[in-house]
């Protein structure tokens, strides 16, 4: 019987962004995007409170067992996927109104591998180890939000966004989410600077 090869050994990152967006934007919904996103922003904030508690529980459990428990891993992965959908919608990286459950299938989606064994020392000091990634993620996040204004203007005027702009925004979101996944112990793998967009 052939043994399964861990995802990280196959060369891809355990947290990947999948882009199936067609670059087209509805001018009307683009114009009112922030207003339309209010229910999602409220739900994301409420879900985030529970996710913080789950992250603490996941840290303790992973420190004890050397692996994130499946239930906590799935809960945090679903939260991260939903957060990705909301970011993509607000920043006009995608057009459709997302669902509230973080289910796969959105045009800008996150794939997260199942839990893998992790080094307990790296788990213990994860937030310290993540500081450089947090700094880079913060810079990319601010730049992405600034470019989101430019995307908004283009979406309202032209009904689409340029592929290069969308791809940079997707890269920035992917790096942010890989950083969050690293901090939440969904993976031991550090965020990747690979700029390729998976489609």
N, C-alpha and C. Protein backbone atom coordinates (compact mmCIF):
# COMPACT_ATOMS: atom_id res chain seq x y z
N UNK A 1 0.84 -1.19 0.00
CA UNK A 1 0.00 0.00 0.00
C UNK A 1 0.88 1.25 0.00
N UNK A 2 0.60 2.16 -0.89
CA UNK A 2 1.41 3.38 -1.02
C UNK A 2 1.03 4.36 0.06
N UNK A 3 2.06 4.92 0.71
CA UNK A 3 1.83 5.88 1.79
C UNK A 3 1.59 7.26 1.21
N UNK A 4 0.64 7.98 1.81
CA UNK A 4 0.33 9.34 1.34
C UNK A 4 1.52 10.26 1.60
N UNK A 5 1.80 11.09 0.63
CA UNK A 5 2.89 12.06 0.76
C UNK A 5 2.32 13.35 1.31
N UNK A 6 2.89 13.87 2.42
CA UNK A 6 2.38 15.14 2.95
C UNK A 6 2.39 16.23 1.90
N UNK A 7 1.42 17.12 1.98
CA UNK A 7 1.27 18.18 0.98
C UNK A 7 2.53 19.03 0.87
N UNK A 8 3.16 19.33 2.01
CA UNK A 8 4.32 20.20 1.97
C UNK A 8 5.49 19.53 1.26
N UNK A 9 5.53 18.18 1.28
CA UNK A 9 6.61 17.47 0.59
C UNK A 9 6.39 17.47 -0.92
N UNK A 10 5.18 17.69 -1.37
CA UNK A 10 4.88 17.70 -2.80
C UNK A 10 5.22 19.04 -3.44
N UNK A 11 5.62 20.03 -2.65
CA UNK A 11 6.08 21.28 -3.21
C UNK A 11 5.08 22.42 -3.18
N UNK A 12 3.82 22.18 -2.85
CA UNK A 12 2.89 23.31 -2.79
C UNK A 12 2.64 23.70 -1.34
N UNK A 13 2.23 24.93 -1.16
CA UNK A 13 1.96 25.43 0.18
C UNK A 13 0.66 24.82 0.69
N UNK A 14 0.57 24.49 1.98
CA UNK A 14 -0.66 23.90 2.53
C UNK A 14 -1.87 24.85 2.52
N UNK A 15 -1.61 26.15 2.32
CA UNK A 15 -2.70 27.13 2.21
C UNK A 15 -2.54 27.82 0.87
N UNK A 16 -3.50 27.57 -0.02
CA UNK A 16 -3.39 28.07 -1.40
C UNK A 16 -4.63 28.89 -1.78
N UNK A 17 -4.39 29.91 -2.60
CA UNK A 17 -5.50 30.71 -3.12
C UNK A 17 -5.81 30.22 -4.52
N UNK A 18 -7.08 29.97 -4.78
CA UNK A 18 -7.52 29.52 -6.10
C UNK A 18 -8.36 30.64 -6.71
N UNK A 19 -7.98 31.09 -7.91
CA UNK A 19 -8.66 32.21 -8.57
C UNK A 19 -9.37 31.71 -9.82
N UNK A 20 -10.71 31.86 -9.83
CA UNK A 20 -11.50 31.53 -11.02
C UNK A 20 -12.31 32.74 -11.48
N UNK A 21 -11.94 33.90 -10.99
CA UNK A 21 -12.63 35.15 -11.31
C UNK A 21 -12.44 35.52 -12.79
N UNK A 22 -13.48 36.11 -13.41
CA UNK A 22 -13.42 36.45 -14.83
C UNK A 22 -13.13 37.93 -15.10
N UNK A 23 -12.81 38.70 -14.07
CA UNK A 23 -12.45 40.12 -14.15
C UNK A 23 -13.64 41.05 -14.41
N UNK A 24 -14.81 40.52 -14.71
CA UNK A 24 -15.99 41.36 -14.95
C UNK A 24 -16.59 41.82 -13.63
N UNK A 25 -17.06 43.06 -13.58
CA UNK A 25 -17.67 43.62 -12.38
C UNK A 25 -18.99 44.29 -12.73
N UNK A 26 -19.97 44.10 -11.90
CA UNK A 26 -21.24 44.78 -12.05
C UNK A 26 -21.06 46.21 -11.55
N UNK A 27 -21.32 47.19 -12.42
CA UNK A 27 -21.07 48.59 -12.06
C UNK A 27 -21.90 49.04 -10.85
N UNK A 28 -23.16 48.64 -10.82
CA UNK A 28 -24.04 49.08 -9.74
C UNK A 28 -23.62 48.51 -8.40
N UNK A 29 -23.40 47.19 -8.34
CA UNK A 29 -22.99 46.60 -7.06
C UNK A 29 -21.57 47.01 -6.68
N UNK A 30 -20.74 47.32 -7.67
CA UNK A 30 -19.40 47.83 -7.36
C UNK A 30 -19.50 49.21 -6.70
N UNK A 31 -20.39 50.06 -7.22
CA UNK A 31 -20.55 51.39 -6.67
C UNK A 31 -20.96 51.35 -5.20
N UNK A 32 -21.86 50.40 -4.85
CA UNK A 32 -22.37 50.30 -3.48
C UNK A 32 -21.67 49.19 -2.68
N UNK A 33 -20.48 48.78 -3.10
CA UNK A 33 -19.82 47.61 -2.53
C UNK A 33 -19.68 47.65 -1.01
N UNK A 34 -19.21 48.76 -0.47
CA UNK A 34 -19.01 48.83 0.99
C UNK A 34 -20.32 48.74 1.76
N UNK A 35 -21.37 49.34 1.22
CA UNK A 35 -22.68 49.24 1.87
C UNK A 35 -23.19 47.81 1.82
N UNK A 36 -23.06 47.17 0.66
CA UNK A 36 -23.51 45.79 0.51
C UNK A 36 -22.72 44.83 1.39
N UNK A 37 -21.48 45.19 1.71
CA UNK A 37 -20.62 44.31 2.51
C UNK A 37 -20.86 44.42 4.01
N UNK A 38 -21.67 45.38 4.46
CA UNK A 38 -21.87 45.60 5.90
C UNK A 38 -22.31 44.33 6.63
N UNK A 39 -23.31 43.57 6.13
CA UNK A 39 -23.69 42.34 6.86
C UNK A 39 -22.52 41.36 7.00
N UNK A 40 -21.70 41.27 5.96
CA UNK A 40 -20.54 40.38 6.03
C UNK A 40 -19.50 40.88 7.02
N UNK A 41 -19.29 42.17 7.07
CA UNK A 41 -18.30 42.72 8.00
C UNK A 41 -18.74 42.52 9.45
N UNK A 42 -20.04 42.64 9.70
CA UNK A 42 -20.57 42.39 11.05
C UNK A 42 -20.40 40.92 11.41
N UNK A 43 -20.80 40.03 10.48
CA UNK A 43 -20.71 38.59 10.74
C UNK A 43 -19.25 38.16 10.90
N UNK A 44 -18.35 38.74 10.12
CA UNK A 44 -16.93 38.41 10.22
C UNK A 44 -16.39 38.83 11.58
N UNK A 45 -16.80 39.99 12.07
CA UNK A 45 -16.34 40.45 13.39
C UNK A 45 -16.85 39.52 14.50
N UNK A 46 -18.12 39.11 14.42
CA UNK A 46 -18.67 38.21 15.43
C UNK A 46 -17.99 36.84 15.38
N UNK A 47 -17.82 36.33 14.18
CA UNK A 47 -17.16 35.04 14.00
C UNK A 47 -15.71 35.14 14.47
N UNK A 48 -15.09 36.30 14.26
CA UNK A 48 -13.71 36.50 14.67
C UNK A 48 -13.52 36.39 16.17
N UNK A 49 -14.51 36.81 16.95
CA UNK A 49 -14.43 36.70 18.42
C UNK A 49 -14.33 35.22 18.81
N UNK A 50 -15.19 34.40 18.21
CA UNK A 50 -15.16 32.96 18.49
C UNK A 50 -13.87 32.34 17.97
N UNK A 51 -13.39 32.83 16.82
CA UNK A 51 -12.16 32.30 16.23
C UNK A 51 -10.95 32.56 17.13
N UNK A 52 -10.93 33.69 17.84
CA UNK A 52 -9.83 33.97 18.78
C UNK A 52 -9.82 32.93 19.89
N UNK A 53 -11.00 32.62 20.43
CA UNK A 53 -11.09 31.59 21.48
C UNK A 53 -10.68 30.23 20.94
N UNK A 54 -11.11 29.91 19.72
CA UNK A 54 -10.74 28.64 19.09
C UNK A 54 -9.23 28.59 18.84
N UNK A 55 -8.63 29.73 18.48
CA UNK A 55 -7.19 29.77 18.23
C UNK A 55 -6.41 29.48 19.51
N UNK A 56 -6.87 30.02 20.64
CA UNK A 56 -6.21 29.75 21.92
C UNK A 56 -6.30 28.27 22.27
N UNK A 57 -7.50 27.71 22.09
CA UNK A 57 -7.69 26.27 22.35
C UNK A 57 -6.84 25.44 21.40
N UNK A 58 -6.73 25.86 20.15
CA UNK A 58 -5.93 25.14 19.17
C UNK A 58 -4.44 25.20 19.52
N UNK A 59 -3.99 26.34 20.03
CA UNK A 59 -2.59 26.48 20.43
C UNK A 59 -2.27 25.50 21.57
N UNK A 60 -3.14 25.45 22.58
CA UNK A 60 -2.91 24.55 23.71
C UNK A 60 -2.93 23.09 23.25
N UNK A 61 -3.93 22.74 22.45
CA UNK A 61 -4.06 21.35 21.97
C UNK A 61 -2.89 20.94 21.08
N UNK A 62 -2.46 21.84 20.20
CA UNK A 62 -1.34 21.52 19.31
C UNK A 62 -0.04 21.42 20.09
N UNK A 63 0.10 22.22 21.12
CA UNK A 63 1.28 22.15 21.98
C UNK A 63 1.33 20.82 22.72
N UNK A 64 0.18 20.32 23.14
CA UNK A 64 0.12 19.05 23.87
C UNK A 64 0.27 17.85 22.94
N UNK A 65 -0.49 17.85 21.84
CA UNK A 65 -0.56 16.66 20.98
C UNK A 65 0.39 16.71 19.78
N UNK A 66 0.96 17.88 19.49
CA UNK A 66 1.86 18.00 18.35
C UNK A 66 1.14 18.07 17.01
N UNK A 67 -0.16 18.25 17.06
CA UNK A 67 -0.97 18.32 15.84
C UNK A 67 -2.29 19.00 16.18
N UNK A 68 -2.75 19.85 15.28
CA UNK A 68 -4.02 20.55 15.49
C UNK A 68 -5.17 19.55 15.43
N UNK A 69 -6.08 19.55 16.43
CA UNK A 69 -7.23 18.65 16.37
C UNK A 69 -8.10 18.97 15.15
N UNK A 70 -8.66 17.93 14.54
CA UNK A 70 -9.43 18.09 13.30
C UNK A 70 -10.56 19.09 13.40
N UNK A 71 -11.32 19.05 14.49
CA UNK A 71 -12.46 19.96 14.64
C UNK A 71 -12.04 21.42 14.71
N UNK A 72 -11.03 21.71 15.50
CA UNK A 72 -10.54 23.09 15.62
C UNK A 72 -9.90 23.53 14.30
N UNK A 73 -9.15 22.64 13.69
CA UNK A 73 -8.51 22.95 12.41
C UNK A 73 -9.57 23.31 11.36
N UNK A 74 -10.61 22.50 11.27
CA UNK A 74 -11.67 22.75 10.28
C UNK A 74 -12.42 24.05 10.56
N UNK A 75 -12.68 24.32 11.84
CA UNK A 75 -13.39 25.56 12.20
C UNK A 75 -12.56 26.78 11.79
N UNK A 76 -11.28 26.77 12.15
CA UNK A 76 -10.42 27.91 11.83
C UNK A 76 -10.17 28.02 10.32
N UNK A 77 -10.07 26.89 9.64
CA UNK A 77 -9.90 26.91 8.18
C UNK A 77 -11.13 27.50 7.50
N UNK A 78 -12.31 27.14 7.99
CA UNK A 78 -13.55 27.68 7.41
C UNK A 78 -13.65 29.18 7.67
N UNK A 79 -13.26 29.61 8.87
CA UNK A 79 -13.24 31.04 9.18
C UNK A 79 -12.29 31.78 8.24
N UNK A 80 -11.10 31.22 8.03
CA UNK A 80 -10.11 31.85 7.15
C UNK A 80 -10.61 31.91 5.71
N UNK A 81 -11.30 30.85 5.27
CA UNK A 81 -11.86 30.83 3.92
C UNK A 81 -12.94 31.91 3.79
N UNK A 82 -13.81 32.02 4.79
CA UNK A 82 -14.85 33.05 4.76
C UNK A 82 -14.23 34.45 4.75
N UNK A 83 -13.21 34.65 5.57
CA UNK A 83 -12.52 35.94 5.61
C UNK A 83 -11.94 36.28 4.23
N UNK A 84 -11.41 35.28 3.55
CA UNK A 84 -10.88 35.47 2.20
C UNK A 84 -11.98 35.92 1.25
N UNK A 85 -13.14 35.28 1.32
CA UNK A 85 -14.26 35.65 0.46
C UNK A 85 -14.69 37.11 0.71
N UNK A 86 -14.75 37.48 1.99
CA UNK A 86 -15.17 38.85 2.33
C UNK A 86 -14.13 39.86 1.83
N UNK A 87 -12.85 39.59 2.08
CA UNK A 87 -11.80 40.49 1.59
C UNK A 87 -11.89 40.64 0.07
N UNK A 88 -12.06 39.51 -0.61
CA UNK A 88 -12.12 39.53 -2.08
C UNK A 88 -13.32 40.35 -2.55
N UNK A 89 -14.44 40.23 -1.88
CA UNK A 89 -15.64 40.98 -2.27
C UNK A 89 -15.45 42.48 -2.01
N UNK A 90 -14.99 42.83 -0.82
CA UNK A 90 -14.84 44.24 -0.46
C UNK A 90 -13.81 44.93 -1.34
N UNK A 91 -12.71 44.25 -1.63
CA UNK A 91 -11.62 44.86 -2.41
C UNK A 91 -11.81 44.71 -3.92
N UNK A 92 -12.97 44.20 -4.34
CA UNK A 92 -13.31 44.01 -5.75
C UNK A 92 -12.35 43.08 -6.47
N UNK A 93 -11.81 42.10 -5.73
CA UNK A 93 -10.99 41.07 -6.35
C UNK A 93 -11.90 40.03 -7.00
N UNK A 94 -13.15 40.01 -6.56
CA UNK A 94 -14.18 39.17 -7.19
C UNK A 94 -15.50 39.93 -7.13
N UNK A 95 -16.48 39.43 -7.86
CA UNK A 95 -17.73 40.18 -7.98
C UNK A 95 -18.93 39.61 -7.24
N UNK A 96 -19.15 38.28 -7.22
CA UNK A 96 -20.39 37.78 -6.62
C UNK A 96 -20.47 38.04 -5.11
N UNK A 97 -21.71 38.22 -4.65
CA UNK A 97 -21.95 38.37 -3.21
C UNK A 97 -21.66 37.02 -2.56
N UNK A 98 -20.74 36.98 -1.58
CA UNK A 98 -20.38 35.67 -1.00
C UNK A 98 -21.45 35.15 -0.04
N UNK A 99 -21.41 33.84 0.17
CA UNK A 99 -22.25 33.23 1.19
C UNK A 99 -21.68 33.52 2.57
N UNK A 100 -22.44 33.18 3.61
CA UNK A 100 -22.02 33.48 4.98
C UNK A 100 -21.36 32.31 5.68
N UNK A 101 -21.21 31.18 5.00
CA UNK A 101 -20.71 29.99 5.67
C UNK A 101 -19.28 29.61 5.37
N UNK A 102 -18.61 30.32 4.48
CA UNK A 102 -17.23 29.98 4.15
C UNK A 102 -17.08 28.69 3.36
N UNK A 103 -18.11 28.35 2.59
CA UNK A 103 -18.05 27.11 1.81
C UNK A 103 -17.17 27.31 0.57
N UNK A 104 -16.49 26.24 0.13
CA UNK A 104 -15.67 26.34 -1.09
C UNK A 104 -16.51 26.67 -2.32
N UNK A 105 -15.86 27.24 -3.33
CA UNK A 105 -16.53 27.51 -4.59
C UNK A 105 -16.61 28.97 -4.97
N UNK A 106 -16.16 29.88 -4.11
CA UNK A 106 -16.18 31.29 -4.44
C UNK A 106 -15.07 31.58 -5.46
N UNK A 107 -15.21 32.59 -6.34
CA UNK A 107 -14.19 32.85 -7.37
C UNK A 107 -12.78 33.13 -6.84
N UNK A 108 -12.68 33.63 -5.62
CA UNK A 108 -11.39 33.78 -4.94
C UNK A 108 -11.50 32.92 -3.69
N UNK A 109 -10.91 31.74 -3.75
CA UNK A 109 -11.14 30.75 -2.70
C UNK A 109 -9.83 30.29 -2.08
N UNK A 110 -9.94 29.74 -0.90
CA UNK A 110 -8.77 29.26 -0.17
C UNK A 110 -8.88 27.75 0.00
N UNK A 111 -7.81 27.05 -0.35
CA UNK A 111 -7.71 25.62 -0.09
C UNK A 111 -6.72 25.42 1.05
N UNK A 112 -7.12 24.64 2.04
CA UNK A 112 -6.27 24.41 3.21
C UNK A 112 -6.15 22.92 3.43
N UNK A 113 -4.92 22.42 3.48
CA UNK A 113 -4.68 21.00 3.69
C UNK A 113 -5.10 20.57 5.09
N UNK A 114 -5.36 19.27 5.28
CA UNK A 114 -5.69 18.75 6.62
C UNK A 114 -4.53 18.97 7.59
N UNK A 115 -4.78 18.80 8.89
CA UNK A 115 -3.72 19.01 9.88
C UNK A 115 -2.54 18.05 9.68
N UNK A 116 -1.36 18.57 9.91
CA UNK A 116 -0.12 17.78 9.84
C UNK A 116 0.62 17.93 11.18
N UNK A 117 1.46 16.95 11.54
CA UNK A 117 2.26 17.09 12.77
C UNK A 117 3.11 18.36 12.73
N UNK A 118 3.26 19.00 13.89
CA UNK A 118 4.04 20.23 13.97
C UNK A 118 5.05 20.14 15.11
N UNK A 119 6.17 20.82 14.95
CA UNK A 119 7.20 20.89 15.97
C UNK A 119 6.67 21.69 17.16
N UNK A 120 6.69 21.09 18.35
CA UNK A 120 6.11 21.76 19.52
C UNK A 120 6.85 23.05 19.88
N UNK A 121 8.16 23.11 19.66
CA UNK A 121 8.90 24.34 19.95
C UNK A 121 8.44 25.46 19.02
N UNK A 122 8.21 25.13 17.76
CA UNK A 122 7.73 26.14 16.82
C UNK A 122 6.30 26.56 17.16
N UNK A 123 5.52 25.63 17.70
CA UNK A 123 4.16 25.95 18.14
C UNK A 123 4.22 26.91 19.32
N UNK A 124 5.10 26.61 20.29
CA UNK A 124 5.19 27.41 21.50
C UNK A 124 5.53 28.87 21.20
N UNK A 125 6.40 29.08 20.21
CA UNK A 125 6.86 30.44 19.91
C UNK A 125 6.30 30.96 18.58
N UNK A 126 5.16 30.42 18.17
CA UNK A 126 4.62 30.75 16.85
C UNK A 126 4.39 32.24 16.63
N UNK A 127 3.80 32.93 17.60
CA UNK A 127 3.51 34.35 17.40
C UNK A 127 4.79 35.17 17.27
N UNK A 128 5.84 34.78 17.97
CA UNK A 128 7.13 35.48 17.83
C UNK A 128 7.72 35.19 16.46
N UNK A 129 7.68 33.92 16.05
CA UNK A 129 8.21 33.53 14.75
C UNK A 129 7.46 34.22 13.61
N UNK A 130 6.19 34.52 13.84
CA UNK A 130 5.36 35.11 12.79
C UNK A 130 5.54 36.62 12.63
N UNK A 131 6.30 37.27 13.51
CA UNK A 131 6.42 38.73 13.47
C UNK A 131 6.89 39.25 12.11
N UNK A 132 7.97 38.69 11.50
CA UNK A 132 8.35 39.21 10.17
C UNK A 132 7.23 39.07 9.13
N UNK A 133 6.52 37.93 9.17
CA UNK A 133 5.40 37.73 8.23
C UNK A 133 4.28 38.72 8.50
N UNK A 134 4.01 39.02 9.78
CA UNK A 134 2.98 40.01 10.12
C UNK A 134 3.34 41.38 9.55
N UNK A 135 4.62 41.74 9.61
CA UNK A 135 5.07 43.04 9.09
C UNK A 135 4.84 43.12 7.58
N UNK A 136 5.30 42.08 6.87
CA UNK A 136 5.12 42.05 5.40
C UNK A 136 3.63 42.02 5.06
N UNK A 137 2.87 41.21 5.79
CA UNK A 137 1.43 41.10 5.55
C UNK A 137 0.74 42.45 5.76
N UNK A 138 1.15 43.17 6.79
CA UNK A 138 0.57 44.49 7.06
C UNK A 138 0.85 45.48 5.93
N UNK A 139 2.09 45.47 5.43
CA UNK A 139 2.45 46.35 4.32
C UNK A 139 1.63 46.01 3.07
N UNK A 140 1.57 44.70 2.75
CA UNK A 140 0.78 44.27 1.59
C UNK A 140 -0.70 44.61 1.77
N UNK A 141 -1.20 44.46 2.99
CA UNK A 141 -2.60 44.76 3.27
C UNK A 141 -2.93 46.23 3.03
N UNK A 142 -2.07 47.12 3.52
CA UNK A 142 -2.31 48.56 3.32
C UNK A 142 -2.24 48.92 1.84
N UNK A 143 -1.26 48.36 1.15
CA UNK A 143 -1.14 48.61 -0.29
C UNK A 143 -2.35 48.08 -1.04
N UNK A 144 -2.81 46.90 -0.64
CA UNK A 144 -3.97 46.30 -1.28
C UNK A 144 -5.23 47.13 -1.08
N UNK A 145 -5.40 47.69 0.10
CA UNK A 145 -6.58 48.52 0.37
C UNK A 145 -6.51 49.83 -0.42
N UNK A 146 -5.31 50.38 -0.56
CA UNK A 146 -5.15 51.59 -1.38
C UNK A 146 -5.48 51.29 -2.84
N UNK A 147 -4.98 50.16 -3.34
CA UNK A 147 -5.28 49.78 -4.73
C UNK A 147 -6.75 49.40 -4.90
N UNK A 148 -7.40 49.01 -3.80
CA UNK A 148 -8.84 48.71 -3.85
C UNK A 148 -9.65 49.92 -4.29
N UNK A 149 -9.20 51.12 -3.92
CA UNK A 149 -9.89 52.36 -4.35
C UNK A 149 -9.77 52.50 -5.87
N UNK A 150 -8.57 52.23 -6.40
CA UNK A 150 -8.35 52.28 -7.84
C UNK A 150 -9.21 51.24 -8.55
N UNK A 151 -9.27 50.02 -7.97
CA UNK A 151 -10.12 48.97 -8.54
C UNK A 151 -11.58 49.39 -8.55
N UNK A 152 -12.00 50.07 -7.49
CA UNK A 152 -13.39 50.52 -7.39
C UNK A 152 -13.72 51.50 -8.52
N UNK A 153 -12.82 52.46 -8.76
CA UNK A 153 -13.04 53.44 -9.83
C UNK A 153 -13.14 52.73 -11.18
N UNK A 154 -12.21 51.82 -11.45
CA UNK A 154 -12.22 51.10 -12.73
C UNK A 154 -13.46 50.22 -12.87
N UNK A 155 -13.85 49.56 -11.78
CA UNK A 155 -15.03 48.69 -11.83
C UNK A 155 -16.29 49.49 -12.12
N UNK A 156 -16.41 50.65 -11.50
CA UNK A 156 -17.60 51.49 -11.71
C UNK A 156 -17.61 52.07 -13.12
N UNK A 157 -16.45 52.51 -13.60
CA UNK A 157 -16.39 53.15 -14.92
C UNK A 157 -16.39 52.14 -16.08
N UNK A 158 -15.66 51.04 -15.92
CA UNK A 158 -15.45 50.11 -17.03
C UNK A 158 -16.19 48.78 -16.90
N UNK A 159 -16.66 48.47 -15.69
CA UNK A 159 -17.32 47.18 -15.49
C UNK A 159 -16.36 46.02 -15.45
N UNK A 160 -15.09 46.28 -15.19
CA UNK A 160 -14.09 45.22 -15.07
C UNK A 160 -12.86 45.78 -14.36
N UNK A 161 -11.96 44.89 -13.95
CA UNK A 161 -10.69 45.32 -13.38
C UNK A 161 -9.57 44.68 -14.20
N UNK A 162 -8.43 45.35 -14.32
CA UNK A 162 -7.31 44.78 -15.07
C UNK A 162 -6.78 43.51 -14.40
N UNK A 163 -6.34 42.57 -15.20
CA UNK A 163 -5.87 41.29 -14.67
C UNK A 163 -4.66 41.47 -13.75
N UNK A 164 -3.74 42.33 -14.12
CA UNK A 164 -2.55 42.55 -13.29
C UNK A 164 -2.90 43.09 -11.91
N UNK A 165 -3.84 44.02 -11.88
CA UNK A 165 -4.28 44.58 -10.60
C UNK A 165 -4.97 43.53 -9.76
N UNK A 166 -5.85 42.74 -10.39
CA UNK A 166 -6.53 41.66 -9.68
C UNK A 166 -5.52 40.63 -9.15
N UNK A 167 -4.52 40.30 -9.97
CA UNK A 167 -3.53 39.30 -9.57
C UNK A 167 -2.68 39.78 -8.40
N UNK A 168 -2.30 41.07 -8.40
CA UNK A 168 -1.54 41.58 -7.26
C UNK A 168 -2.40 41.54 -6.01
N UNK A 169 -3.66 41.97 -6.14
CA UNK A 169 -4.56 41.95 -4.98
C UNK A 169 -4.74 40.53 -4.45
N UNK A 170 -4.86 39.56 -5.36
CA UNK A 170 -5.00 38.16 -4.96
C UNK A 170 -3.73 37.68 -4.25
N UNK A 171 -2.55 38.07 -4.79
CA UNK A 171 -1.29 37.71 -4.14
C UNK A 171 -1.23 38.26 -2.72
N UNK A 172 -1.61 39.53 -2.56
CA UNK A 172 -1.56 40.15 -1.24
C UNK A 172 -2.51 39.45 -0.26
N UNK A 173 -3.72 39.12 -0.72
CA UNK A 173 -4.67 38.41 0.14
C UNK A 173 -4.13 37.03 0.49
N UNK A 174 -3.53 36.35 -0.50
CA UNK A 174 -2.98 35.02 -0.23
C UNK A 174 -1.90 35.10 0.84
N UNK A 175 -1.00 36.07 0.71
CA UNK A 175 0.07 36.19 1.71
C UNK A 175 -0.52 36.49 3.09
N UNK A 176 -1.51 37.39 3.14
CA UNK A 176 -2.16 37.70 4.41
C UNK A 176 -2.79 36.46 5.03
N UNK A 177 -3.46 35.65 4.21
CA UNK A 177 -4.14 34.48 4.73
C UNK A 177 -3.16 33.36 5.09
N UNK A 178 -2.07 33.24 4.36
CA UNK A 178 -1.05 32.27 4.75
C UNK A 178 -0.42 32.68 6.08
N UNK A 179 -0.24 33.98 6.29
CA UNK A 179 0.28 34.47 7.56
C UNK A 179 -0.70 34.16 8.68
N UNK A 180 -1.99 34.43 8.44
CA UNK A 180 -3.01 34.13 9.45
C UNK A 180 -3.06 32.63 9.72
N UNK A 181 -2.98 31.82 8.67
CA UNK A 181 -3.00 30.37 8.85
C UNK A 181 -1.80 29.87 9.62
N UNK A 182 -0.64 30.48 9.39
CA UNK A 182 0.56 30.13 10.14
C UNK A 182 0.38 30.49 11.61
N UNK A 183 -0.14 31.67 11.88
CA UNK A 183 -0.36 32.11 13.27
C UNK A 183 -1.42 31.27 13.96
N UNK A 184 -2.44 30.84 13.22
CA UNK A 184 -3.53 30.04 13.80
C UNK A 184 -3.17 28.55 13.89
N UNK A 185 -1.94 28.20 13.51
CA UNK A 185 -1.44 26.82 13.58
C UNK A 185 -2.15 25.88 12.61
N UNK A 186 -2.63 26.43 11.49
CA UNK A 186 -3.21 25.57 10.46
C UNK A 186 -2.11 24.93 9.63
N UNK A 187 -0.91 25.48 9.71
CA UNK A 187 0.24 24.92 9.02
C UNK A 187 1.50 25.35 9.74
N UNK A 188 2.56 24.56 9.55
CA UNK A 188 3.87 24.92 10.09
C UNK A 188 4.69 25.66 9.03
N UNK A 189 4.18 25.69 7.82
CA UNK A 189 4.91 26.29 6.70
C UNK A 189 4.74 27.81 6.71
N UNK A 190 5.86 28.51 6.55
CA UNK A 190 5.87 29.97 6.55
C UNK A 190 5.20 30.49 5.27
N UNK A 191 4.61 31.70 5.30
CA UNK A 191 3.99 32.26 4.09
C UNK A 191 4.97 32.32 2.92
N UNK A 192 4.44 32.15 1.72
CA UNK A 192 5.25 32.08 0.51
C UNK A 192 5.18 33.37 -0.29
N UNK A 193 6.32 33.75 -0.89
CA UNK A 193 6.36 34.92 -1.76
C UNK A 193 6.10 34.55 -3.21
N UNK A 194 5.80 33.31 -3.48
CA UNK A 194 5.49 32.88 -4.85
C UNK A 194 4.33 33.73 -5.37
N UNK A 195 4.54 34.41 -6.48
CA UNK A 195 3.52 35.34 -6.99
C UNK A 195 2.57 34.68 -7.98
N UNK A 196 2.75 33.40 -8.26
CA UNK A 196 1.87 32.72 -9.22
C UNK A 196 0.44 32.69 -8.69
N UNK A 197 -0.52 32.88 -9.60
CA UNK A 197 -1.94 32.80 -9.25
C UNK A 197 -2.46 31.47 -9.73
N UNK A 198 -3.03 30.66 -8.81
CA UNK A 198 -3.59 29.36 -9.18
C UNK A 198 -4.96 29.55 -9.80
N UNK A 199 -5.16 28.93 -10.96
CA UNK A 199 -6.48 29.03 -11.61
C UNK A 199 -6.95 27.66 -11.99
